[in-house]
Structure formats: C-alpha cells, structure tokens
C-alpha cells in the first residue's frame, strides 16, 4: 500500500539515504551532489515546520521509498519542485509518478497560484515522468558544468 507521510515521521538522514540511492546508478552523482544532499537533509530536519508543509515522503508498506520537496516562496507567480527521487529498487513501477502527482495535487491547493515549475536534465528519466504528469517544456539550455554528463538543462511548467 502506498502512503504519503511527513518528514518528521522519519529520522534525520532519511532524505539523504533515499536520494543517494536514487542516484547511485552513476558514481559521479554522489561526487558532485553529496554535499548538497547532506545540506538538504539537514535543512529539512532542522526546519520540520517547512519539511512537513512543503514536502512528502512516499512509503510502500510503511517503508520510505521516495520523497519530493517544493519551494513556495515565489507564490503566486510559481512554486518550484525541488528534490524528487525514488529508491532504485522502486523505480519503473509507477511510484515516481504517484509521488509527483500527489505533490502537484497539494501544490495546486495554493490560492491564486499561476504555475508549477521544475528544472531537470535531458539525460535522466525525470523528463518523461514530468511530461506524464502534465508538465510542458518551455526552455532548454546547454549544460557546460561538471554535470554535463546528465544532459542539457530542461525547464518544465504546468500553467494553472
């Protein structure tokens, strides 16, 4: 059974553990983003009032298998999807789509919101997931950073 729960129901390190596993398919990911993942985990566990309001943990039979966060600070213009990942063993089973749909449902509850946006990379599976949930591509930029192996930057939106 799939449920969506609060970050505060799980110990510090849960967000980090999930995202590290979600990107473990390429060791370069951990090298590039490990510090960011730790900082994100620390931020949400240091600010539980933010974590529980602007994110969710996806569970299968009470085991945390994924999470998604969003940044509402630019409302009503837009809300931006942040980290969004599912453990490798649970990928390609529809959980990522369910997780994203639940986040979109919650975000759409904000009064007067105009758009939901997200940035991802062309070399990942994420673009297909975002498109399947109603996002449309509105911009693309070449990636000349050390993460260029993940592909170009893709900018998606849902206009409300």
Protein backbone atom coordinates (compact mmCIF):
# COMPACT_ATOMS: atom_id res chain seq x y z
CA UNK A 1 0.00 0.00 0.00
CA UNK A 2 1.33 3.47 -0.95
CA UNK A 3 1.05 6.29 1.57
CA UNK A 4 2.42 9.83 1.70
CA UNK A 5 3.81 10.84 5.06
CA UNK A 6 5.60 13.70 6.79
CA UNK A 7 9.37 14.02 7.01
CA UNK A 8 9.14 14.30 10.80
CA UNK A 9 7.87 10.73 10.97
CA UNK A 10 11.35 9.54 9.95
CA UNK A 11 14.82 10.05 11.42
CA UNK A 12 17.34 12.58 10.17
CA UNK A 13 19.20 11.12 7.22
CA UNK A 14 16.13 9.62 5.55
CA UNK A 15 16.07 12.21 2.76
CA UNK A 16 19.81 11.78 2.20
CA UNK A 17 19.58 7.99 2.16
CA UNK A 18 16.77 7.98 -0.41
CA UNK A 19 18.36 10.46 -2.80
CA UNK A 20 21.79 8.82 -2.54
CA UNK A 21 20.19 5.51 -3.51
CA UNK A 22 18.09 7.11 -6.29
CA UNK A 23 21.24 8.47 -7.98
CA UNK A 24 23.57 5.54 -7.22
CA UNK A 25 23.42 4.31 -10.83
CA UNK A 26 26.34 6.67 -11.61
CA UNK A 27 29.10 7.27 -9.04
CA UNK A 28 29.70 10.78 -10.44
CA UNK A 29 26.36 11.86 -8.97
CA UNK A 30 27.48 11.29 -5.39
CA UNK A 31 30.80 13.05 -6.01
CA UNK A 32 29.03 16.13 -7.41
CA UNK A 33 25.98 16.37 -5.18
CA UNK A 34 26.79 14.64 -1.90
CA UNK A 35 27.29 17.92 -0.04
CA UNK A 36 24.03 19.33 -1.44
CA UNK A 37 22.16 16.18 -0.42
CA UNK A 38 23.52 16.40 3.13
CA UNK A 39 22.67 20.11 3.32
CA UNK A 40 19.14 19.45 2.07
CA UNK A 41 18.62 16.69 4.61
CA UNK A 42 19.94 18.94 7.39
CA UNK A 43 17.76 21.85 6.27
CA UNK A 44 14.55 19.85 6.33
CA UNK A 45 15.31 18.14 9.64
CA UNK A 46 16.41 21.45 11.19
CA UNK A 47 13.17 23.07 9.95
CA UNK A 48 10.43 20.50 10.47
CA UNK A 49 7.68 23.13 10.05
CA UNK A 50 8.95 23.66 6.49
CA UNK A 51 9.62 19.99 5.76
CA UNK A 52 6.14 18.81 6.70
CA UNK A 53 4.44 21.62 4.81
CA UNK A 54 6.49 21.67 1.61
CA UNK A 55 7.39 18.06 1.02
CA UNK A 56 6.29 14.50 1.44
CA UNK A 57 7.77 11.05 1.87
CA UNK A 58 6.37 8.23 -0.25
CA UNK A 59 6.07 4.91 1.55
CA UNK A 60 5.30 1.40 0.40
CA UNK A 61 4.11 -0.75 3.28
CA UNK A 62 5.45 1.93 5.68
CA UNK A 63 8.97 1.86 4.16
CA UNK A 64 10.17 5.26 2.87
CA UNK A 65 10.98 4.74 -0.81
CA UNK A 66 10.89 8.29 -2.18
CA UNK A 67 10.33 11.94 -1.46
CA UNK A 68 9.64 15.25 -3.15
CA UNK A 69 10.05 18.83 -1.94
CA UNK A 70 8.89 22.17 -3.29
CA UNK A 71 9.68 25.83 -2.74
CA UNK A 72 6.63 28.12 -2.35
CA UNK A 73 8.49 31.39 -1.77
CA UNK A 74 7.67 32.82 -5.23
CA UNK A 75 3.91 32.45 -4.92
CA UNK A 76 1.62 33.41 -6.53
CA UNK A 77 3.87 33.55 -9.62
CA UNK A 78 5.10 29.96 -9.20
CA UNK A 79 6.06 27.09 -6.94
CA UNK A 80 9.20 25.19 -7.86
CA UNK A 81 9.66 21.45 -7.44
CA UNK A 82 12.97 20.74 -5.70
CA UNK A 83 14.48 17.37 -4.95
CA UNK A 84 12.39 14.50 -6.22
CA UNK A 85 13.63 10.92 -6.07
CA UNK A 86 12.72 7.27 -5.61
CA UNK A 87 14.98 4.46 -4.41
CA UNK A 88 16.43 2.45 -7.28
CA UNK A 89 14.62 -0.80 -6.37
CA UNK A 90 11.27 1.01 -6.70
CA UNK A 91 11.89 2.79 -10.00
CA UNK A 92 9.94 1.90 -13.14
CA UNK A 93 6.96 0.75 -11.05
CA UNK A 94 4.87 3.92 -11.12
CA UNK A 95 5.84 5.20 -7.66
CA UNK A 96 7.67 8.27 -9.00
CA UNK A 97 4.60 9.28 -10.99
CA UNK A 98 2.30 8.75 -7.98
CA UNK A 99 4.66 10.79 -5.81
CA UNK A 100 4.78 13.65 -8.31
CA UNK A 101 1.00 13.61 -8.81
CA UNK A 102 0.48 13.89 -5.05
CA UNK A 103 2.90 16.81 -4.85
CA UNK A 104 1.12 18.55 -7.75
CA UNK A 105 -2.25 17.97 -6.08
CA UNK A 106 -1.01 19.59 -2.87
CA UNK A 107 0.67 22.48 -4.65
CA UNK A 108 -2.47 23.25 -6.64
CA UNK A 109 -4.25 23.97 -3.34
CA UNK A 110 -2.39 27.31 -3.08
CA UNK A 111 -4.85 30.09 -3.82
CA UNK A 112 -4.10 32.12 -6.95
CA UNK A 113 -1.04 30.12 -7.99
CA UNK A 114 -0.11 30.66 -11.66
CA UNK A 115 2.49 27.97 -12.41
CA UNK A 116 4.39 24.98 -11.10
CA UNK A 117 7.94 24.77 -12.46
CA UNK A 118 10.83 22.33 -12.36
CA UNK A 119 14.31 22.04 -13.84
CA UNK A 120 15.83 18.68 -14.69
CA UNK A 121 18.35 17.23 -17.12
CA UNK A 122 17.79 15.64 -20.51
CA UNK A 123 19.90 12.55 -19.77
CA UNK A 124 17.74 11.42 -16.85
CA UNK A 125 14.45 9.53 -16.67
CA UNK A 126 12.82 12.54 -14.98
CA UNK A 127 11.69 14.38 -18.14
CA UNK A 128 9.41 11.52 -19.11
CA UNK A 129 7.93 11.50 -15.59
CA UNK A 130 7.30 15.25 -15.57
CA UNK A 131 5.71 15.12 -19.03
CA UNK A 132 3.45 12.22 -17.97
CA UNK A 133 2.13 14.42 -15.14
CA UNK A 134 1.25 17.36 -17.37
CA UNK A 135 4.42 19.45 -17.42
CA UNK A 136 5.42 21.02 -20.74
CA UNK A 137 8.90 22.07 -21.78
CA UNK A 138 9.34 25.85 -22.00
CA UNK A 139 13.14 26.21 -22.18
CA UNK A 140 16.32 24.23 -22.74
CA UNK A 141 19.91 25.29 -22.03
CA UNK A 142 23.21 23.61 -22.69
CA UNK A 143 24.90 22.19 -19.62
CA UNK A 144 28.56 23.20 -19.55
CA UNK A 145 29.07 22.33 -15.88
CA UNK A 146 30.76 19.31 -14.36
CA UNK A 147 27.34 17.60 -14.50
CA UNK A 148 27.21 17.82 -18.32
CA UNK A 149 27.04 14.00 -18.48
CA UNK A 150 23.43 14.30 -17.25
CA UNK A 151 22.47 16.28 -20.35
CA UNK A 152 21.08 19.72 -21.07
CA UNK A 153 19.01 21.63 -18.53
CA UNK A 154 15.29 21.27 -19.23
CA UNK A 155 12.76 23.72 -17.81
CA UNK A 156 9.19 22.49 -17.43
CA UNK A 157 5.98 24.11 -16.26
CA UNK A 158 2.33 23.47 -15.58
CA UNK A 159 0.27 26.60 -16.16
CA UNK A 160 -2.71 26.78 -13.83
